[in-house]
Amino acid sequence: MVKNTRMTDGSKTVDARYFITSFTHVETAAKSMRSHWEIENNLHWTLDMMYNEDYIRSRKDHSPQNLAVLRKTALNLFKTAPNPTGKANFSFHKKQITCMCDDDYLITILQML
């Protein structure tokens, strides 16, 4: 059992979650659970926000898998791409817009493949 305490707007909620696992060490089990949510937050949430992946309707042949690979490749390129302005905070969306407007930046990102 894992107890989770959350504070929102001054109210405190405590949830209890039950897991079946082969881990006998508490810290190892906790690390495994956190790493699962790290993947969810870093990849799936980003794909959904950037590309509306939950609303994609491609279903014919291998197109869903092929498009998923392309979206993940683009996401990784934007994560590792240099910021065109040199500023520390430059979002994925701004990098996409810059690619559409600046051919030199688009070529820079495509050369990373």
PDB file of N, CA and C in Angstrom:
ATOM      1  N   MET A   1       0.848  -1.174   0.000  1.00  0.00           N
ATOM      2  CA  MET A   1       0.000   0.000   0.000  1.00  0.00           C
ATOM      3  C   MET A   1       0.891   1.233   0.000  1.00  0.00           C
ATOM      4  N   VAL A   2       0.500   2.223  -0.789  1.00  0.00           N
ATOM      5  CA  VAL A   2       1.207   3.497  -0.842  1.00  0.00           C
ATOM      6  C   VAL A   2       0.205   4.589  -0.515  1.00  0.00           C
ATOM      7  N   LYS A   3       0.558   5.431   0.448  1.00  0.00           N
ATOM      8  CA  LYS A   3      -0.290   6.570   0.784  1.00  0.00           C
ATOM      9  C   LYS A   3       0.260   7.794   0.084  1.00  0.00           C
ATOM     10  N   ASN A   4      -0.619   8.512  -0.584  1.00  0.00           N
ATOM     11  CA  ASN A   4      -0.246   9.700  -1.331  1.00  0.00           C
ATOM     12  C   ASN A   4      -0.992  10.887  -0.738  1.00  0.00           C
ATOM     13  N   THR A   5      -0.260  11.917  -0.304  1.00  0.00           N
ATOM     14  CA  THR A   5      -0.859  13.119   0.256  1.00  0.00           C
ATOM     15  C   THR A   5      -0.715  14.252  -0.745  1.00  0.00           C
ATOM     16  N   ARG A   6      -1.802  14.962  -0.988  1.00  0.00           N
ATOM     17  CA  ARG A   6      -1.805  16.039  -1.984  1.00  0.00           C
ATOM     18  C   ARG A   6      -2.477  17.269  -1.390  1.00  0.00           C
ATOM     19  N   MET A   7      -1.828  18.435  -1.576  1.00  0.00           N
ATOM     20  CA  MET A   7      -2.382  19.700  -1.103  1.00  0.00           C
ATOM     21  C   MET A   7      -2.798  20.532  -2.319  1.00  0.00           C
ATOM     22  N   THR A   8      -4.077  20.895  -2.384  1.00  0.00           N
ATOM     23  CA  THR A   8      -4.566  21.759  -3.450  1.00  0.00           C
ATOM     24  C   THR A   8      -5.533  22.770  -2.854  1.00  0.00           C
ATOM     25  N   ASP A   9      -5.270  24.025  -3.133  1.00  0.00           N
ATOM     26  CA  ASP A   9      -6.134  25.115  -2.673  1.00  0.00           C
ATOM     27  C   ASP A   9      -6.412  25.047  -1.171  1.00  0.00           C
ATOM     28  N   GLY A  10      -5.398  24.690  -0.402  1.00  0.00           N
ATOM     29  CA  GLY A  10      -5.550  24.642   1.046  1.00  0.00           C
ATOM     30  C   GLY A  10      -6.219  23.402   1.583  1.00  0.00           C
ATOM     31  N   SER A  11      -6.682  22.509   0.726  1.00  0.00           N
ATOM     32  CA  SER A  11      -7.308  21.275   1.212  1.00  0.00           C
ATOM     33  C   SER A  11      -6.342  20.105   1.017  1.00  0.00           C
ATOM     34  N   LYS A  12      -6.378  19.206   1.966  1.00  0.00           N
ATOM     35  CA  LYS A  12      -5.467  18.074   1.959  1.00  0.00           C
ATOM     36  C   LYS A  12      -6.256  16.804   1.651  1.00  0.00           C
ATOM     37  N   THR A  13      -5.779  16.042   0.664  1.00  0.00           N
ATOM     38  CA  THR A  13      -6.397  14.762   0.348  1.00  0.00           C
ATOM     39  C   THR A  13      -5.353  13.664   0.484  1.00  0.00           C
ATOM     40  N   VAL A  14      -5.755  12.552   1.038  1.00  0.00           N
ATOM     41  CA  VAL A  14      -4.869  11.407   1.205  1.00  0.00           C
ATOM     42  C   VAL A  14      -5.492  10.230   0.462  1.00  0.00           C
ATOM     43  N   ASP A  15      -4.743   9.674  -0.472  1.00  0.00           N
ATOM     44  CA  ASP A  15      -5.193   8.516  -1.239  1.00  0.00           C
ATOM     45  C   ASP A  15      -4.336   7.315  -0.860  1.00  0.00           C
ATOM     46  N   ALA A  16      -4.934   6.166  -0.861  1.00  0.00           N
ATOM     47  CA  ALA A  16      -4.203   4.915  -0.647  1.00  0.00           C
ATOM     48  C   ALA A  16      -4.290   4.100  -1.920  1.00  0.00           C
ATOM     49  N   ARG A  17      -3.131   3.676  -2.411  1.00  0.00           N
ATOM     50  CA  ARG A  17      -3.079   2.845  -3.612  1.00  0.00           C
ATOM     51  C   ARG A  17      -2.457   1.506  -3.248  1.00  0.00           C
ATOM     52  N   TYR A  18      -2.984   0.457  -3.822  1.00  0.00           N
ATOM     53  CA  TYR A  18      -2.502  -0.882  -3.529  1.00  0.00           C
ATOM     54  C   TYR A  18      -1.848  -1.456  -4.779  1.00  0.00           C
ATOM     55  N   PHE A  19      -0.684  -2.078  -4.581  1.00  0.00           N
ATOM     56  CA  PHE A  19       0.080  -2.639  -5.689  1.00  0.00           C
ATOM     57  C   PHE A  19       0.434  -4.086  -5.382  1.00  0.00           C
ATOM     58  N   ILE A  20       0.473  -4.886  -6.414  1.00  0.00           N
ATOM     59  CA  ILE A  20       0.992  -6.244  -6.297  1.00  0.00           C
ATOM     60  C   ILE A  20       2.331  -6.239  -7.015  1.00  0.00           C
ATOM     61  N   THR A  21       3.379  -6.575  -6.292  1.00  0.00           N
ATOM     62  CA  THR A  21       4.713  -6.515  -6.864  1.00  0.00           C
ATOM     63  C   THR A  21       5.601  -7.594  -6.262  1.00  0.00           C
ATOM     64  N   SER A  22       6.671  -7.902  -6.937  1.00  0.00           N
ATOM     65  CA  SER A  22       7.641  -8.858  -6.410  1.00  0.00           C
ATOM     66  C   SER A  22       8.761  -8.153  -5.648  1.00  0.00           C
ATOM     67  N   PHE A  23       8.755  -6.816  -5.642  1.00  0.00           N
ATOM     68  CA  PHE A  23       9.775  -6.070  -4.909  1.00  0.00           C
ATOM     69  C   PHE A  23       9.592  -6.281  -3.409  1.00  0.00           C
ATOM     70  N   THR A  24      10.679  -6.524  -2.724  1.00  0.00           N
ATOM     71  CA  THR A  24      10.616  -6.653  -1.267  1.00  0.00           C
ATOM     72  C   THR A  24      11.214  -5.441  -0.577  1.00  0.00           C
ATOM     73  N   HIS A  25      11.937  -4.627  -1.314  1.00  0.00           N
ATOM     74  CA  HIS A  25      12.568  -3.432  -0.772  1.00  0.00           C
ATOM     75  C   HIS A  25      11.708  -2.218  -1.124  1.00  0.00           C
ATOM     76  N   VAL A  26      11.308  -1.441  -0.146  1.00  0.00           N
ATOM     77  CA  VAL A  26      10.377  -0.327  -0.349  1.00  0.00           C
ATOM     78  C   VAL A  26      10.937   0.716  -1.305  1.00  0.00           C
ATOM     79  N   GLU A  27      12.210   1.078  -1.138  1.00  0.00           N
ATOM     80  CA  GLU A  27      12.805   2.115  -1.987  1.00  0.00           C
ATOM     81  C   GLU A  27      12.853   1.677  -3.456  1.00  0.00           C
ATOM     82  N   THR A  28      13.121   0.401  -3.695  1.00  0.00           N
ATOM     83  CA  THR A  28      13.152  -0.108  -5.072  1.00  0.00           C
ATOM     84  C   THR A  28      11.760  -0.045  -5.705  1.00  0.00           C
ATOM     85  N   ALA A  29      10.756  -0.417  -4.943  1.00  0.00           N
ATOM     86  CA  ALA A  29       9.380  -0.363  -5.457  1.00  0.00           C
ATOM     87  C   ALA A  29       8.974   1.079  -5.739  1.00  0.00           C
ATOM     88  N   ALA A  30       9.317   2.001  -4.825  1.00  0.00           N
ATOM     89  CA  ALA A  30       8.970   3.413  -5.015  1.00  0.00           C
ATOM     90  C   ALA A  30       9.663   3.975  -6.250  1.00  0.00           C
ATOM     91  N   LYS A  31      10.933   3.625  -6.449  1.00  0.00           N
ATOM     92  CA  LYS A  31      11.669   4.108  -7.628  1.00  0.00           C
ATOM     93  C   LYS A  31      11.032   3.585  -8.916  1.00  0.00           C
ATOM     94  N   SER A  32      10.599   2.334  -8.908  1.00  0.00           N
ATOM     95  CA  SER A  32       9.957   1.751 -10.082  1.00  0.00           C
ATOM     96  C   SER A  32       8.653   2.476 -10.412  1.00  0.00           C
ATOM     97  N   MET A  33       7.854   2.775  -9.385  1.00  0.00           N
ATOM     98  CA  MET A  33       6.585   3.473  -9.603  1.00  0.00           C
ATOM     99  C   MET A  33       6.806   4.885 -10.126  1.00  0.00           C
ATOM    100  N   ARG A  34       7.793   5.578  -9.559  1.00  0.00           N
ATOM    101  CA  ARG A  34       8.070   6.944 -10.020  1.00  0.00           C
ATOM    102  C   ARG A  34       8.587   6.952 -11.448  1.00  0.00           C
ATOM    103  N   SER A  35       9.424   5.967 -11.810  1.00  0.00           N
ATOM    104  CA  SER A  35       9.965   5.938 -13.176  1.00  0.00           C
ATOM    105  C   SER A  35       8.860   5.672 -14.188  1.00  0.00           C
ATOM    106  N   HIS A  36       7.840   4.892 -13.802  1.00  0.00           N
ATOM    107  CA  HIS A  36       6.704   4.670 -14.707  1.00  0.00           C
ATOM    108  C   HIS A  36       6.013   5.996 -15.007  1.00  0.00           C
ATOM    109  N   TRP A  37       5.753   6.806 -13.979  1.00  0.00           N
ATOM    110  CA  TRP A  37       5.061   8.075 -14.184  1.00  0.00           C
ATOM    111  C   TRP A  37       5.969   9.084 -14.872  1.00  0.00           C
ATOM    112  N   GLU A  38       7.276   8.951 -14.722  1.00  0.00           N
ATOM    113  CA  GLU A  38       8.201   9.839 -15.423  1.00  0.00           C
ATOM    114  C   GLU A  38       8.071   9.634 -16.928  1.00  0.00           C
ATOM    115  N   ILE A  39       7.948   8.386 -17.355  1.00  0.00           N
ATOM    116  CA  ILE A  39       7.756   8.097 -18.784  1.00  0.00           C
ATOM    117  C   ILE A  39       6.444   8.704 -19.257  1.00  0.00           C
ATOM    118  N   GLU A  40       5.390   8.508 -18.465  1.00  0.00           N
ATOM    119  CA  GLU A  40       4.075   9.056 -18.828  1.00  0.00           C
ATOM    120  C   GLU A  40       4.139  10.571 -18.971  1.00  0.00           C
ATOM    121  N   ASN A  41       4.770  11.233 -18.022  1.00  0.00           N
ATOM    122  CA  ASN A  41       4.810  12.693 -18.037  1.00  0.00           C
ATOM    123  C   ASN A  41       5.748  13.241 -19.105  1.00  0.00           C
ATOM    124  N   ASN A  42       6.880  12.585 -19.332  1.00  0.00           N
ATOM    125  CA  ASN A  42       7.865  13.118 -20.270  1.00  0.00           C
ATOM    126  C   ASN A  42       7.577  12.779 -21.724  1.00  0.00           C
ATOM    127  N   LEU A  43       6.939  11.668 -21.968  1.00  0.00           N
ATOM    128  CA  LEU A  43       6.724  11.274 -23.361  1.00  0.00           C
ATOM    129  C   LEU A  43       5.262  11.390 -23.778  1.00  0.00           C
ATOM    130  N   HIS A  44       4.398  10.637 -23.133  1.00  0.00           N
ATOM    131  CA  HIS A  44       3.020  10.560 -23.598  1.00  0.00           C
ATOM    132  C   HIS A  44       2.281  11.886 -23.446  1.00  0.00           C
ATOM    133  N   TRP A  45       2.483  12.549 -22.332  1.00  0.00           N
ATOM    134  CA  TRP A  45       1.811  13.838 -22.133  1.00  0.00           C
ATOM    135  C   TRP A  45       2.303  14.842 -23.164  1.00  0.00           C
ATOM    136  N   THR A  46       3.610  14.854 -23.407  1.00  0.00           N
ATOM    137  CA  THR A  46       4.176  15.786 -24.384  1.00  0.00           C
ATOM    138  C   THR A  46       3.656  15.491 -25.785  1.00  0.00           C
ATOM    139  N   LEU A  47       3.593  14.212 -26.142  1.00  0.00           N
ATOM    140  CA  LEU A  47       3.065  13.859 -27.468  1.00  0.00           C
ATOM    141  C   LEU A  47       1.612  14.281 -27.608  1.00  0.00           C
ATOM    142  N   ASP A  48       0.853  14.130 -26.545  1.00  0.00           N
ATOM    143  CA  ASP A  48      -0.551  14.511 -26.608  1.00  0.00           C
ATOM    144  C   ASP A  48      -0.700  16.025 -26.729  1.00  0.00           C
ATOM    145  N   MET A  49       0.103  16.766 -26.004  1.00  0.00           N
ATOM    146  CA  MET A  49       0.009  18.232 -26.047  1.00  0.00           C
ATOM    147  C   MET A  49       0.548  18.797 -27.359  1.00  0.00           C
ATOM    148  N   MET A  50       1.638  18.223 -27.850  1.00  0.00           N
ATOM    149  CA  MET A  50       2.275  18.753 -29.062  1.00  0.00           C
ATOM    150  C   MET A  50       1.536  18.329 -30.333  1.00  0.00           C
ATOM    151  N   TYR A  51       1.097  17.088 -30.364  1.00  0.00           N
ATOM    152  CA  TYR A  51       0.571  16.539 -31.617  1.00  0.00           C
ATOM    153  C   TYR A  51      -0.865  16.037 -31.493  1.00  0.00           C
ATOM    154  N   ASN A  52      -1.553  16.320 -30.384  1.00  0.00           N
ATOM    155  CA  ASN A  52      -2.923  15.846 -30.167  1.00  0.00           C
ATOM    156  C   ASN A  52      -3.036  14.354 -30.472  1.00  0.00           C
ATOM    157  N   GLU A  53      -2.101  13.585 -29.955  1.00  0.00           N
ATOM    158  CA  GLU A  53      -2.023  12.173 -30.292  1.00  0.00           C
ATOM    159  C   GLU A  53      -3.280  11.384 -29.910  1.00  0.00           C
ATOM    160  N   ASP A  54      -3.994  11.842 -28.894  1.00  0.00           N
ATOM    161  CA  ASP A  54      -5.218  11.137 -28.490  1.00  0.00           C
ATOM    162  C   ASP A  54      -6.315  11.216 -29.555  1.00  0.00           C
ATOM    163  N   TYR A  55      -6.222  12.182 -30.453  1.00  0.00           N
ATOM    164  CA  TYR A  55      -7.270  12.380 -31.452  1.00  0.00           C
ATOM    165  C   TYR A  55      -6.865  11.933 -32.851  1.00  0.00           C
ATOM    166  N   ILE A  56      -5.732  11.284 -32.980  1.00  0.00           N
ATOM    167  CA  ILE A  56      -5.280  10.798 -34.280  1.00  0.00           C
ATOM    168  C   ILE A  56      -6.184   9.647 -34.714  1.00  0.00           C
ATOM    169  N   ARG A  57      -6.641   9.671 -35.955  1.00  0.00           N
ATOM    170  CA  ARG A  57      -7.590   8.675 -36.435  1.00  0.00           C
ATOM    171  C   ARG A  57      -7.027   7.763 -37.527  1.00  0.00           C
ATOM    172  N   SER A  58      -5.724   7.699 -37.674  1.00  0.00           N
ATOM    173  CA  SER A  58      -5.159   6.822 -38.701  1.00  0.00           C
ATOM    174  C   SER A  58      -5.233   5.374 -38.214  1.00  0.00           C
ATOM    175  N   ARG A  59      -5.786   4.511 -39.042  1.00  0.00           N
ATOM    176  CA  ARG A  59      -5.976   3.121 -38.644  1.00  0.00           C
ATOM    177  C   ARG A  59      -5.626   2.111 -39.748  1.00  0.00           C
ATOM    178  N   LYS A  60      -5.365   2.579 -40.938  1.00  0.00           N
ATOM    179  CA  LYS A  60      -5.169   1.665 -42.059  1.00  0.00           C
ATOM    180  C   LYS A  60      -3.737   1.133 -42.093  1.00  0.00           C
ATOM    181  N   ASP A  61      -3.623  -0.172 -42.251  1.00  0.00           N
ATOM    182  CA  ASP A  61      -2.344  -0.874 -42.391  1.00  0.00           C
ATOM    183  C   ASP A  61      -1.396  -0.523 -41.236  1.00  0.00           C
ATOM    184  N   HIS A  62      -0.199  -0.080 -41.587  1.00  0.00           N
ATOM    185  CA  HIS A  62       0.809   0.241 -40.578  1.00  0.00           C
ATOM    186  C   HIS A  62       0.916   1.735 -40.308  1.00  0.00           C
ATOM    187  N   SER A  63      -0.016   2.510 -40.797  1.00  0.00           N
ATOM    188  CA  SER A  63       0.094   3.963 -40.636  1.00  0.00           C
ATOM    189  C   SER A  63       0.110   4.417 -39.177  1.00  0.00           C
ATOM    190  N   PRO A  64      -0.639   3.819 -38.226  1.00  0.00           N
ATOM    191  CA  PRO A  64      -0.543   4.295 -36.848  1.00  0.00           C
ATOM    192  C   PRO A  64       0.871   4.148 -36.269  1.00  0.00           C
ATOM    193  N   GLN A  65       1.516   3.000 -36.517  1.00  0.00           N
ATOM    194  CA  GLN A  65       2.862   2.788 -36.009  1.00  0.00           C
ATOM    195  C   GLN A  65       3.867   3.706 -36.699  1.00  0.00           C
ATOM    196  N   ASN A  66       3.733   3.854 -38.012  1.00  0.00           N
ATOM    197  CA  ASN A  66       4.663   4.700 -38.760  1.00  0.00           C
ATOM    198  C   ASN A  66       4.563   6.159 -38.314  1.00  0.00           C
ATOM    199  N   LEU A  67       3.337   6.652 -38.146  1.00  0.00           N
ATOM    200  CA  LEU A  67       3.160   8.036 -37.718  1.00  0.00           C
ATOM    201  C   LEU A  67       3.637   8.241 -36.280  1.00  0.00           C
ATOM    202  N   ALA A  68       3.455   7.232 -35.421  1.00  0.00           N
ATOM    203  CA  ALA A  68       3.943   7.336 -34.044  1.00  0.00           C
ATOM    204  C   ALA A  68       5.462   7.445 -34.016  1.00  0.00           C
ATOM    205  N   VAL A  69       6.132   6.676 -34.868  1.00  0.00           N
ATOM    206  CA  VAL A  69       7.594   6.760 -34.944  1.00  0.00           C
ATOM    207  C   VAL A  69       8.022   8.148 -35.418  1.00  0.00           C
ATOM    208  N   LEU A  70       7.331   8.687 -36.418  1.00  0.00           N
ATOM    209  CA  LEU A  70       7.668  10.024 -36.917  1.00  0.00           C
ATOM    210  C   LEU A  70       7.453  11.096 -35.846  1.00  0.00           C
ATOM    211  N   ARG A  71       6.358  10.997 -35.097  1.00  0.00           N
ATOM    212  CA  ARG A  71       6.095  11.981 -34.035  1.00  0.00           C
ATOM    213  C   ARG A  71       7.146  11.900 -32.943  1.00  0.00           C
ATOM    214  N   LYS A  72       7.530  10.693 -32.545  1.00  0.00           N
ATOM    215  CA  LYS A  72       8.551  10.538 -31.502  1.00  0.00           C
ATOM    216  C   LYS A  72       9.914  11.007 -31.989  1.00  0.00           C
ATOM    217  N   THR A  73      10.215  10.762 -33.255  1.00  0.00           N
ATOM    218  CA  THR A  73      11.475  11.247 -33.826  1.00  0.00           C
ATOM    219  C   THR A  73      11.498  12.766 -33.831  1.00  0.00           C
ATOM    220  N   ALA A  74      10.410  13.380 -34.263  1.00  0.00           N
ATOM    221  CA  ALA A  74      10.333  14.846 -34.278  1.00  0.00           C
ATOM    222  C   ALA A  74      10.455  15.404 -32.868  1.00  0.00           C
ATOM    223  N   LEU A  75       9.809  14.774 -31.909  1.00  0.00           N
ATOM    224  CA  LEU A  75       9.880  15.230 -30.520  1.00  0.00           C
ATOM    225  C   LEU A  75      11.319  15.177 -30.015  1.00  0.00           C
ATOM    226  N   ASN A  76      12.026  14.080 -30.301  1.00  0.00           N
ATOM    227  CA  ASN A  76      13.420  13.965 -29.871  1.00  0.00           C
ATOM    228  C   ASN A  76      14.314  14.984 -30.563  1.00  0.00           C
ATOM    229  N   LEU A  77      14.037  15.255 -31.824  1.00  0.00           N
ATOM    230  CA  LEU A  77      14.820  16.275 -32.530  1.00  0.00           C
ATOM    231  C   LEU A  77      14.619  17.649 -31.897  1.00  0.00           C
ATOM    232  N   PHE A  78      13.372  17.973 -31.580  1.00  0.00           N
ATOM    233  CA  PHE A  78      13.100  19.275 -30.975  1.00  0.00           C
ATOM    234  C   PHE A  78      13.678  19.373 -29.570  1.00  0.00           C
ATOM    235  N   LYS A  79      13.722  18.240 -28.835  1.00  0.00           N
ATOM    236  CA  LYS A  79      14.306  18.261 -27.495  1.00  0.00           C
ATOM    237  C   LYS A  79      15.794  18.564 -27.540  1.00  0.00           C
ATOM    238  N   THR A  80      16.483  17.984 -28.522  1.00  0.00           N
ATOM    239  CA  THR A  80      17.936  18.127 -28.593  1.00  0.00           C
ATOM    240  C   THR A  80      18.390  19.271 -29.488  1.00  0.00           C
ATOM    241  N   ALA A  81      17.471  19.896 -30.185  1.00  0.00           N
ATOM    242  CA  ALA A  81      17.838  20.974 -31.120  1.00  0.00           C
ATOM    243  C   ALA A  81      18.324  22.207 -30.368  1.00  0.00           C
ATOM    244  N   PRO A  82      19.290  22.899 -30.940  1.00  0.00           N
ATOM    245  CA  PRO A  82      19.739  24.141 -30.306  1.00  0.00           C
ATOM    246  C   PRO A  82      18.661  25.214 -30.432  1.00  0.00           C
ATOM    247  N   ASN A  83      18.647  26.112 -29.475  1.00  0.00           N
ATOM    248  CA  ASN A  83      17.696  27.217 -29.528  1.00  0.00           C
ATOM    249  C   ASN A  83      18.158  28.226 -30.567  1.00  0.00           C
ATOM    250  N   PRO A  84      17.298  28.615 -31.481  1.00  0.00           N
ATOM    251  CA  PRO A  84      17.722  29.517 -32.558  1.00  0.00           C
ATOM    252  C   PRO A  84      18.112  30.903 -32.059  1.00  0.00           C
ATOM    253  N   THR A  85      17.572  31.334 -30.934  1.00  0.00           N
ATOM    254  CA  THR A  85      17.882  32.673 -30.427  1.00  0.00           C
ATOM    255  C   THR A  85      18.960  32.643 -29.354  1.00  0.00           C
ATOM    256  N   GLY A  86      19.325  31.446 -28.889  1.00  0.00           N
ATOM    257  CA  GLY A  86      20.306  31.333 -27.832  1.00  0.00           C
ATOM    258  C   GLY A  86      19.725  31.510 -26.441  1.00  0.00           C
ATOM    259  N   LYS A  87      18.424  31.787 -26.342  1.00  0.00           N
ATOM    260  CA  LYS A  87      17.780  31.937 -25.033  1.00  0.00           C
ATOM    261  C   LYS A  87      17.622  30.571 -24.376  1.00  0.00           C
ATOM    262  N   ALA A  88      17.625  30.563 -23.043  1.00  0.00           N
ATOM    263  CA  ALA A  88      17.504  29.301 -22.310  1.00  0.00           C
ATOM    264  C   ALA A  88      16.099  28.708 -22.458  1.00  0.00           C
ATOM    265  N   ASN A  89      15.081  29.528 -22.386  1.00  0.00           N
ATOM    266  CA  ASN A  89      13.700  29.046 -22.478  1.00  0.00           C
ATOM    267  C   ASN A  89      13.186  29.203 -23.899  1.00  0.00           C
ATOM    268  N   PHE A  90      13.146  28.121 -24.611  1.00  0.00           N
ATOM    269  CA  PHE A  90      12.611  28.133 -25.964  1.00  0.00           C
ATOM    270  C   PHE A  90      11.810  26.863 -26.122  1.00  0.00           C
ATOM    271  N   SER A  91      10.506  26.951 -26.166  1.00  0.00           N
ATOM    272  CA  SER A  91       9.610  25.791 -26.112  1.00  0.00           C
ATOM    273  C   SER A  91       9.629  24.995 -27.414  1.00  0.00           C
ATOM    274  N   PHE A  92       9.071  23.764 -27.318  1.00  0.00           N
ATOM    275  CA  PHE A  92       8.934  22.931 -28.504  1.00  0.00           C
ATOM    276  C   PHE A  92       8.100  23.642 -29.556  1.00  0.00           C
ATOM    277  N   HIS A  93       7.021  24.241 -29.107  1.00  0.00           N
ATOM    278  CA  HIS A  93       6.117  24.926 -30.043  1.00  0.00           C
ATOM    279  C   HIS A  93       6.851  26.047 -30.771  1.00  0.00           C
ATOM    280  N   LYS A  94       7.657  26.816 -30.068  1.00  0.00           N
ATOM    281  CA  LYS A  94       8.412  27.895 -30.712  1.00  0.00           C
ATOM    282  C   LYS A  94       9.424  27.330 -31.705  1.00  0.00           C
ATOM    283  N   LYS A  95      10.014  26.178 -31.365  1.00  0.00           N
ATOM    284  CA  LYS A  95      10.947  25.545 -32.300  1.00  0.00           C
ATOM    285  C   LYS A  95      10.217  25.080 -33.557  1.00  0.00           C
ATOM    286  N   GLN A  96       8.995  24.556 -33.401  1.00  0.00           N
ATOM    287  CA  GLN A  96       8.202  24.154 -34.570  1.00  0.00           C
ATOM    288  C   GLN A  96       7.881  25.347 -35.451  1.00  0.00           C
ATOM    289  N   ILE A  97       7.438  26.434 -34.834  1.00  0.00           N
ATOM    290  CA  ILE A  97       7.099  27.641 -35.588  1.00  0.00           C
ATOM    291  C   ILE A  97       8.338  28.174 -36.305  1.00  0.00           C
ATOM    292  N   THR A  98       9.475  28.158 -35.612  1.00  0.00           N
ATOM    293  CA  THR A  98      10.714  28.638 -36.226  1.00  0.00           C
ATOM    294  C   THR A  98      11.091  27.769 -37.420  1.00  0.00           C
ATOM    295  N   CYS A  99      10.878  26.462 -37.322  1.00  0.00           N
ATOM    296  CA  CYS A  99      11.155  25.567 -38.455  1.00  0.00           C
ATOM    297  C   CYS A  99      10.295  25.901 -39.659  1.00  0.00           C
ATOM    298  N   MET A 100       9.035  26.275 -39.406  1.00  0.00           N
ATOM    299  CA  MET A 100       8.144  26.610 -40.514  1.00  0.00           C
ATOM    300  C   MET A 100       8.534  27.930 -41.174  1.00  0.00           C
ATOM    301  N   CYS A 101       9.133  28.828 -40.414  1.00  0.00           N
ATOM    302  CA  CYS A 101       9.436  30.164 -40.934  1.00  0.00           C
ATOM    303  C   CYS A 101      10.877  30.338 -41.382  1.00  0.00           C
ATOM    304  N   ASP A 102      11.785  29.539 -40.840  1.00  0.00           N
ATOM    305  CA  ASP A 102      13.210  29.734 -41.102  1.00  0.00           C
ATOM    306  C   ASP A 102      13.797  28.452 -41.693  1.00  0.00           C
ATOM    307  N   ASP A 103      14.087  28.477 -42.987  1.00  0.00           N
ATOM    308  CA  ASP A 103      14.609  27.289 -43.659  1.00  0.00           C
ATOM    309  C   ASP A 103      15.970  26.862 -43.114  1.00  0.00           C
ATOM    310  N   ASP A 104      16.797  27.816 -42.716  1.00  0.00           N
ATOM    311  CA  ASP A 104      18.113  27.466 -42.168  1.00  0.00           C
ATOM    312  C   ASP A 104      17.985  26.679 -40.875  1.00  0.00           C
ATOM    313  N   TYR A 105      17.052  27.069 -40.023  1.00  0.00           N
ATOM    314  CA  TYR A 105      16.834  26.337 -38.769  1.00  0.00           C
ATOM    315  C   TYR A 105      16.260  24.950 -39.046  1.00  0.00           C
ATOM    316  N   LEU A 106      15.373  24.844 -40.022  1.00  0.00           N
ATOM    317  CA  LEU A 106      14.823  23.549 -40.420  1.00  0.00           C
ATOM    318  C   LEU A 106      15.939  22.625 -40.899  1.00  0.00           C
ATOM    319  N   ILE A 107      16.831  23.144 -41.697  1.00  0.00           N
ATOM    320  CA  ILE A 107      17.960  22.330 -42.194  1.00  0.00           C
ATOM    321  C   ILE A 107      18.858  21.913 -41.041  1.00  0.00           C
ATOM    322  N   THR A 108      19.082  22.810 -40.068  1.00  0.00           N
ATOM    323  CA  THR A 108      19.889  22.487 -38.895  1.00  0.00           C
ATOM    324  C   THR A 108      19.292  21.300 -38.145  1.00  0.00           C
ATOM    325  N   ILE A 109      17.977  21.305 -37.966  1.00  0.00           N
ATOM    326  CA  ILE A 109      17.327  20.219 -37.245  1.00  0.00           C
ATOM    327  C   ILE A 109      17.334  18.940 -38.068  1.00  0.00           C
ATOM    328  N   LEU A 110      17.094  19.028 -39.366  1.00  0.00           N
ATOM    329  CA  LEU A 110      17.096  17.838 -40.217  1.00  0.00           C
ATOM    330  C   LEU A 110      18.484  17.214 -40.313  1.00  0.00           C
ATOM    331  N   GLN A 111      19.524  18.004 -40.195  1.00  0.00           N
ATOM    332  CA  GLN A 111      20.887  17.478 -40.238  1.00  0.00           C
ATOM    333  C   GLN A 111      21.215  16.669 -38.986  1.00  0.00           C
ATOM    334  N   MET A 112      20.412  16.813 -37.938  1.00  0.00           N
ATOM    335  CA  MET A 112      20.641  16.048 -36.719  1.00  0.00           C
ATOM    336  C   MET A 112      20.214  14.595 -36.881  1.00  0.00           C
ATOM    337  N   LEU A 113      19.469  14.279 -37.961  1.00  0.00           N
ATOM    338  CA  LEU A 113      19.065  12.885 -38.208  1.00  0.00           C
ATOM    339  C   LEU A 113      20.249  12.090 -38.566  1.00  0.00           C
TER     340      LEU A 113
END
